């Protein structure tokens, strides 16, 4: 009998010691509530480079990792058709210029005809008005007067027709010259399209095509982004997105920098939800970025949505049934406030002197 009593006593002491080891007091501390998000690092202004024409890749003028300037040529594409079109357009432009401005231009020929018509008109005018004066004095014949008048009228009509022809031809030639200039400019632009250039000052992060491969307007040729500025892309669960605001502080942990913490700030919230994973995209900027960053680096972040100083807290794993803690007097309901991954604020229900026990 004494052996049974001794064994029960040992068990009582063991569980009593075990309970004491799991007993703590609530503590006051500064507490910050945060929202978790997965992180991917991307260069600022990152974009995919496309060609606006099809052809064959003649040469990559840059390599991955190169720093490039805005409008710097990156890739050459082969296609002889635009060059031939440009040459034909140049020939048409030269012909239009010659027709309009050259020594043997069409307008010069018409002007010569006008000058001759003016002399003919002046000559016929003199004879007509002389015959008219004579006829008014009843000298000469009516047939001779009518002949001089008809010749004078024909000369005047011919002169007017040539002047109209000159104006019309000039307008047509001016229009033809303008059209030829526009066609030539368009052909030059098309030729330039076969040299793919950078739209920003940045860095070549990827080249997707090699020399000799067929180029399509539907496939990217390269990826370019900032060489110095990087964006922190975070995926936030839809249940937490309403808590996020631009300007909130962010604590970033990167897998490539184990044990280091980098502060940042929310800079942009994308309003469209990704239906595939039920998340929203949120961007942040580093307060002070690591020395080396690469596109695609991953990690995790906590966005601080609220902070309180010197509040009563308990570890989250001491909660049971959502809002109860185990005390010497049994389960006690408490009112909770802010919480993070490890701790929760106690608004009311227990004090710093309350013993609480970890649930079994």
Protein backbone atom coordinates (compact mmCIF):
# COMPACT_ATOMS: atom_id res chain seq x y z
CA UNK A 1 0.00 0.00 0.00
CA UNK A 2 2.82 2.34 0.91
CA UNK A 3 4.40 1.66 -2.52
CA UNK A 4 1.22 2.83 -4.29
CA UNK A 5 1.06 6.00 -2.18
CA UNK A 6 4.73 6.69 -2.92
CA UNK A 7 4.21 6.24 -6.70
CA UNK A 8 1.17 8.57 -6.68
CA UNK A 9 3.16 11.16 -4.75
CA UNK A 10 5.96 11.03 -7.33
CA UNK A 11 3.48 11.48 -10.19
CA UNK A 12 1.91 14.46 -8.39
CA UNK A 13 5.31 16.09 -7.89
CA UNK A 14 6.24 15.43 -11.55
CA UNK A 15 3.10 17.01 -13.00
CA UNK A 16 3.28 19.87 -10.50
CA UNK A 17 6.83 20.64 -11.62
CA UNK A 18 5.83 20.28 -15.27
CA UNK A 19 2.93 22.72 -14.80
CA UNK A 20 5.19 25.19 -13.05
CA UNK A 21 7.62 25.07 -15.97
CA UNK A 22 4.75 25.99 -18.33
CA UNK A 23 3.47 28.80 -16.13
CA UNK A 24 4.27 32.43 -17.03
CA UNK A 25 3.11 35.95 -16.22
CA UNK A 26 1.82 38.40 -18.82
CA UNK A 27 4.49 40.94 -19.77
CA UNK A 28 4.43 44.52 -21.03
CA UNK A 29 6.28 45.29 -24.24
CA UNK A 30 6.08 47.30 -27.42
CA UNK A 31 3.91 45.42 -29.92
CA UNK A 32 3.54 45.76 -33.66
CA UNK A 33 0.82 44.09 -35.74
CA UNK A 34 1.87 43.13 -39.24
CA UNK A 35 0.63 41.45 -42.40
CA UNK A 36 2.72 38.72 -44.00
CA UNK A 37 3.60 38.63 -47.68
CA UNK A 38 5.87 36.57 -49.92
CA UNK A 39 8.58 38.65 -51.62
CA UNK A 40 10.15 38.72 -55.08
CA UNK A 41 12.78 41.31 -56.02
CA UNK A 42 12.56 42.90 -59.48
CA UNK A 43 14.47 45.79 -61.12
CA UNK A 44 12.57 49.04 -61.43
CA UNK A 45 11.20 49.79 -64.93
CA UNK A 46 11.75 46.17 -66.01
CA UNK A 47 10.28 45.54 -69.45
CA UNK A 48 10.37 43.00 -72.26
CA UNK A 49 11.93 44.17 -75.53
CA UNK A 50 9.94 43.39 -78.69
CA UNK A 51 10.62 44.02 -82.37
CA UNK A 52 7.98 45.85 -84.41
CA UNK A 53 8.97 43.92 -87.55
CA UNK A 54 9.69 40.31 -88.42
CA UNK A 55 12.91 38.99 -89.89
CA UNK A 56 16.09 37.15 -88.98
CA UNK A 57 18.33 38.20 -86.09
CA UNK A 58 21.53 39.47 -87.65
CA UNK A 59 23.45 40.36 -84.50
CA UNK A 60 23.06 40.99 -80.76
CA UNK A 61 24.99 44.20 -80.11
CA UNK A 62 24.98 43.70 -76.32
CA UNK A 63 25.38 40.90 -73.80
CA UNK A 64 23.64 39.99 -70.55
CA UNK A 65 24.84 42.23 -67.78
CA UNK A 66 25.76 45.16 -70.04
CA UNK A 67 24.78 48.68 -68.99
CA UNK A 68 22.97 50.49 -71.81
CA UNK A 69 21.80 54.02 -72.51
CA UNK A 70 18.43 55.17 -73.77
CA UNK A 71 18.11 54.77 -77.58
CA UNK A 72 21.26 52.63 -77.72
CA UNK A 73 21.05 49.96 -80.47
CA UNK A 74 20.64 46.47 -79.04
CA UNK A 75 19.73 44.07 -81.84
CA UNK A 76 19.98 44.10 -85.64
CA UNK A 77 17.36 42.34 -87.77
CA UNK A 78 17.78 41.40 -91.44
CA UNK A 79 15.10 42.11 -94.04
CA UNK A 80 15.99 43.58 -97.45
CA UNK A 81 12.47 44.70 -98.38
CA UNK A 82 12.46 47.93 -96.30
CA UNK A 83 15.87 48.95 -97.68
CA UNK A 84 14.67 48.48 -101.24
CA UNK A 85 11.49 50.39 -100.47
CA UNK A 86 13.57 53.20 -99.01
CA UNK A 87 15.75 53.35 -102.13
CA UNK A 88 12.71 53.44 -104.41
CA UNK A 89 11.12 56.13 -102.26
CA UNK A 90 14.29 58.20 -102.47
CA UNK A 91 14.28 57.94 -106.27
CA UNK A 92 10.64 59.01 -106.39
CA UNK A 93 11.43 61.96 -104.13
CA UNK A 94 14.33 63.06 -106.32
CA UNK A 95 12.09 62.86 -109.41
CA UNK A 96 9.37 64.90 -107.70
CA UNK A 97 11.92 67.53 -106.68
CA UNK A 98 13.30 67.71 -110.23
CA UNK A 99 9.81 68.07 -111.69
CA UNK A 100 9.03 70.86 -109.29
CA UNK A 101 12.33 72.73 -108.96
CA UNK A 102 14.70 71.55 -111.70
CA UNK A 103 15.96 73.51 -114.71
CA UNK A 104 13.87 71.38 -117.07
CA UNK A 105 10.90 71.32 -114.72
CA UNK A 106 7.37 71.10 -116.08
CA UNK A 107 6.51 74.51 -114.63
CA UNK A 108 9.37 76.13 -116.53
CA UNK A 109 7.99 74.77 -119.77
CA UNK A 110 4.52 76.08 -118.99
CA UNK A 111 5.98 79.44 -118.01
CA UNK A 112 7.71 79.64 -121.39
CA UNK A 113 4.35 78.99 -123.05
CA UNK A 114 2.78 81.73 -120.92
CA UNK A 115 5.50 84.18 -121.92
CA UNK A 116 4.87 83.40 -125.61
CA UNK A 117 1.13 83.72 -125.08
CA UNK A 118 1.62 87.12 -123.46
CA UNK A 119 3.56 88.36 -126.48
CA UNK A 120 0.93 86.96 -128.83
CA UNK A 121 -1.83 88.54 -126.77
CA UNK A 122 -0.08 91.91 -126.72
CA UNK A 123 0.46 91.78 -130.48
CA UNK A 124 -3.12 90.74 -131.22
CA UNK A 125 -4.39 93.38 -128.79
CA UNK A 126 -2.56 96.15 -130.64
CA UNK A 127 -3.97 95.08 -134.01
CA UNK A 128 -7.47 94.65 -132.63
CA UNK A 129 -7.74 98.04 -130.94
CA UNK A 130 -6.18 99.72 -134.00
CA UNK A 131 -8.77 98.03 -136.22
CA UNK A 132 -11.47 98.99 -133.75
CA UNK A 133 -10.56 102.69 -133.97
CA UNK A 134 -10.58 102.50 -137.75
CA UNK A 135 -13.93 100.69 -137.76
CA UNK A 136 -15.43 103.31 -135.45
CA UNK A 137 -14.45 105.87 -138.14
CA UNK A 138 -16.30 103.74 -140.73
CA UNK A 139 -13.05 102.79 -142.38
CA UNK A 140 -12.27 99.21 -143.38
CA UNK A 141 -14.48 96.16 -143.62
CA UNK A 142 -16.58 94.41 -140.98
CA UNK A 143 -14.97 91.07 -141.84
CA UNK A 144 -11.48 92.42 -141.14
CA UNK A 145 -12.64 93.88 -137.80
CA UNK A 146 -14.27 90.58 -136.79
CA UNK A 147 -11.13 88.66 -137.71
CA UNK A 148 -8.91 90.94 -135.56
CA UNK A 149 -11.40 90.71 -132.66
CA UNK A 150 -11.55 86.89 -132.86
CA UNK A 151 -7.78 86.60 -132.91
CA UNK A 152 -7.51 88.94 -129.93
CA UNK A 153 -10.12 86.95 -127.96
CA UNK A 154 -8.41 83.65 -128.77
CA UNK A 155 -5.06 84.99 -127.56
CA UNK A 156 -6.66 86.18 -124.30
CA UNK A 157 -8.36 82.84 -123.72
CA UNK A 158 -5.16 80.94 -124.46
CA UNK A 159 -3.24 83.10 -122.00
CA UNK A 160 -5.83 82.56 -119.28
CA UNK A 161 -5.84 78.81 -119.92
CA UNK A 162 -2.05 78.63 -119.63
CA UNK A 163 -2.11 80.60 -116.38
CA UNK A 164 -4.74 78.20 -114.96
CA UNK A 165 -2.70 75.25 -116.20
CA UNK A 166 0.38 76.66 -114.46
CA UNK A 167 -1.43 77.03 -111.11
CA UNK A 168 -3.02 73.58 -111.37
CA UNK A 169 0.24 71.91 -112.37
CA UNK A 170 2.11 73.69 -109.59
CA UNK A 171 -0.41 72.43 -107.00
CA UNK A 172 -0.18 68.90 -108.37
CA UNK A 173 3.61 68.93 -108.33
CA UNK A 174 3.69 70.36 -104.78
CA UNK A 175 1.33 67.62 -103.63
CA UNK A 176 3.40 64.95 -105.39
CA UNK A 177 6.57 66.31 -103.76
CA UNK A 178 5.00 66.29 -100.29
CA UNK A 179 3.73 62.76 -100.80
CA UNK A 180 7.15 61.61 -101.98
CA UNK A 181 8.77 63.17 -98.89
CA UNK A 182 6.26 61.45 -96.60
CA UNK A 183 6.76 58.09 -98.31
CA UNK A 184 10.52 58.46 -98.03
CA UNK A 185 10.30 59.38 -94.32
CA UNK A 186 8.03 56.40 -93.71
CA UNK A 187 10.45 54.08 -95.49
CA UNK A 188 13.32 55.40 -93.34
CA UNK A 189 11.30 54.75 -90.18
CA UNK A 190 10.59 51.23 -91.36
CA UNK A 191 14.32 50.76 -91.96
CA UNK A 192 15.10 52.01 -88.44
CA UNK A 193 12.60 49.51 -87.03
CA UNK A 194 15.07 46.79 -87.96
CA UNK A 195 17.44 48.17 -85.35
CA UNK A 196 15.96 47.49 -81.91
CA UNK A 197 16.96 50.13 -79.34
CA UNK A 198 16.67 50.55 -75.58
CA UNK A 199 13.87 52.71 -74.21
CA UNK A 200 15.61 53.43 -70.89
CA UNK A 201 18.98 53.79 -69.22
CA UNK A 202 19.40 50.37 -67.62
CA UNK A 203 20.88 46.91 -67.65
CA UNK A 204 20.45 43.89 -69.95
CA UNK A 205 19.08 41.11 -67.76
CA UNK A 206 18.30 38.60 -70.51
CA UNK A 207 18.70 37.96 -74.24
CA UNK A 208 16.23 35.42 -75.60
CA UNK A 209 17.35 35.06 -79.25
CA UNK A 210 20.62 34.14 -80.94
CA UNK A 211 22.10 35.12 -84.29
CA UNK A 212 20.30 33.52 -87.20
CA UNK A 213 17.03 32.83 -85.37
CA UNK A 214 13.72 33.98 -86.81
CA UNK A 215 12.31 37.11 -85.16
CA UNK A 216 8.58 37.51 -84.52
CA UNK A 217 6.73 40.54 -83.24
CA UNK A 218 4.98 38.25 -80.73
CA UNK A 219 8.11 37.02 -78.92
CA UNK A 220 10.34 39.09 -76.59
CA UNK A 221 13.97 39.56 -77.60
CA UNK A 222 15.42 40.83 -74.32
CA UNK A 223 14.64 42.04 -70.80
CA UNK A 224 15.88 45.45 -69.61
CA UNK A 225 15.49 47.17 -66.25
CA UNK A 226 17.15 49.60 -63.91
CA UNK A 227 20.67 48.70 -62.85
CA UNK A 228 20.44 50.53 -59.52
CA UNK A 229 16.82 50.69 -58.35
CA UNK A 230 14.87 47.59 -57.32
CA UNK A 231 11.21 47.00 -56.45
CA UNK A 232 9.99 44.69 -53.68
CA UNK A 233 6.98 42.82 -55.04
CA UNK A 234 4.77 41.30 -52.32
CA UNK A 235 1.76 39.00 -52.68
CA UNK A 236 -0.81 39.82 -49.99
CA UNK A 237 -3.77 37.59 -49.16
CA UNK A 238 -7.15 39.09 -49.98
CA UNK A 239 -8.25 38.94 -46.31
CA UNK A 240 -5.39 41.31 -45.40
CA UNK A 241 -5.32 43.73 -48.34
CA UNK A 242 -7.80 46.15 -46.71
CA UNK A 243 -5.27 46.73 -43.92
CA UNK A 244 -2.52 47.86 -46.29
CA UNK A 245 -1.83 51.53 -47.11
CA UNK A 246 0.89 53.38 -49.00
CA UNK A 247 3.60 54.60 -46.62
CA UNK A 248 3.43 51.71 -44.15
CA UNK A 249 6.73 50.29 -42.94
CA UNK A 250 7.90 46.93 -44.25
CA UNK A 251 10.37 44.48 -42.71
CA UNK A 252 12.02 42.35 -45.41
CA UNK A 253 13.91 39.08 -45.03
CA UNK A 254 15.65 37.70 -48.13
CA UNK A 255 16.72 34.08 -48.53
CA UNK A 256 20.02 35.28 -50.02
CA UNK A 257 20.77 37.35 -46.90
CA UNK A 258 19.99 34.96 -44.05
CA UNK A 259 19.78 36.63 -40.66
CA UNK A 260 19.61 40.16 -42.05
CA UNK A 261 16.59 42.43 -41.94
CA UNK A 262 16.00 45.26 -44.45
CA UNK A 263 13.48 48.02 -43.76
CA UNK A 264 11.32 49.47 -46.50
CA UNK A 265 8.07 51.28 -47.21
CA UNK A 266 4.92 50.44 -49.19
CA UNK A 267 4.96 52.46 -52.43
CA UNK A 268 2.10 51.06 -54.54
CA UNK A 269 -0.99 48.84 -54.20
CA UNK A 270 -2.38 47.17 -57.31
CA UNK A 271 -6.19 47.12 -57.16
CA UNK A 272 -6.77 43.99 -59.27
CA UNK A 273 -6.81 40.61 -57.56
CA UNK A 274 -4.99 37.64 -59.05
CA UNK A 275 -7.78 35.07 -59.30
CA UNK A 276 -5.32 32.18 -59.55
CA UNK A 277 -3.92 32.56 -56.04
CA UNK A 278 -6.42 35.01 -54.51
CA UNK A 279 -3.74 37.61 -53.75
CA UNK A 280 -3.05 41.27 -54.47
CA UNK A 281 0.25 42.71 -55.66
CA UNK A 282 1.82 45.33 -53.37
CA UNK A 283 5.12 47.09 -54.11
CA UNK A 284 7.61 48.52 -51.64
CA UNK A 285 10.95 50.33 -51.81
CA UNK A 286 14.04 49.67 -49.71
CA UNK A 287 15.06 52.32 -47.20
CA UNK A 288 18.58 51.00 -47.72
CA UNK A 289 18.99 48.16 -50.19
CA UNK A 290 21.59 45.36 -49.92
CA UNK A 291 24.84 45.80 -51.81
CA UNK A 292 23.90 43.21 -54.44
CA UNK A 293 20.45 42.43 -55.78
CA UNK A 294 19.32 40.22 -58.65
CA UNK A 295 15.96 39.82 -60.37
CA UNK A 296 13.93 37.00 -58.87
CA UNK A 297 15.47 36.97 -55.37
CA UNK A 298 12.80 35.69 -52.97
CA UNK A 299 11.99 36.07 -49.32
CA UNK A 300 9.25 37.21 -47.02
CA UNK A 301 8.06 40.49 -45.56
CA UNK A 302 5.91 41.82 -42.77
CA UNK A 303 4.00 45.03 -43.35
CA UNK A 304 3.54 46.90 -40.08
CA UNK A 305 -0.10 48.03 -39.93
CA UNK A 306 -0.26 49.17 -36.27
CA UNK A 307 2.05 49.66 -33.25
CA UNK A 308 1.53 50.17 -29.53
CA UNK A 309 4.04 50.86 -26.79
CA UNK A 310 4.15 49.24 -23.36
CA UNK A 311 1.09 47.00 -23.72
CA UNK A 312 0.27 43.84 -21.76
CA UNK A 313 0.99 40.77 -23.89
CA UNK A 314 1.05 36.99 -23.73
CA UNK A 315 2.43 34.41 -26.18
CA UNK A 316 -0.14 33.37 -28.76
CA UNK A 317 0.36 29.68 -27.99
CA UNK A 318 -1.03 30.30 -24.46
CA UNK A 319 -4.43 31.14 -25.92
CA UNK A 320 -7.12 28.51 -26.12
CA UNK A 321 -10.57 28.57 -27.65
CA UNK A 322 -9.66 31.83 -29.37
CA UNK A 323 -9.84 34.20 -26.38
CA UNK A 324 -9.29 32.19 -23.19
CA UNK A 325 -6.27 31.45 -21.00
CA UNK A 326 -5.70 28.79 -18.36
CA UNK A 327 -5.20 30.29 -14.87
CA UNK A 328 -5.14 29.01 -11.27
CA UNK A 329 -8.90 29.66 -11.22
CA UNK A 330 -9.53 27.76 -14.46
CA UNK A 331 -10.20 29.12 -17.95
CA UNK A 332 -10.45 32.91 -18.03
CA UNK A 333 -11.86 34.90 -20.98
CA UNK A 334 -9.78 37.86 -22.12
CA UNK A 335 -10.16 40.70 -24.63
CA UNK A 336 -7.36 40.78 -27.19
CA UNK A 337 -6.03 43.63 -29.31
CA UNK A 338 -2.99 43.82 -31.58
CA UNK A 339 -1.12 40.65 -32.45
CA UNK A 340 1.88 39.50 -34.40
CA UNK A 341 3.28 36.09 -35.23
CA UNK A 342 4.25 35.36 -31.59
CA UNK A 343 2.40 37.67 -29.21
CA UNK A 344 -1.08 39.07 -28.65
CA UNK A 345 -2.15 42.15 -26.71
CA UNK A 346 -4.31 41.64 -23.61
CA UNK A 347 -6.82 44.47 -23.34
CA UNK A 348 -8.70 43.14 -20.30
CA UNK A 349 -9.43 39.95 -18.34
CA UNK A 350 -6.07 39.33 -16.65
CA UNK A 351 -3.22 41.39 -15.18
CA UNK A 352 0.55 41.19 -14.85
CA UNK A 353 0.10 39.20 -11.60
CA UNK A 354 -2.08 36.51 -13.17
CA UNK A 355 -0.52 33.08 -13.50
CA UNK A 356 -1.27 31.59 -16.90
CA UNK A 357 -0.49 28.11 -18.15
CA UNK A 358 0.21 26.72 -21.57
CA UNK A 359 -2.72 24.63 -22.81
CA UNK A 360 -2.18 20.87 -22.88
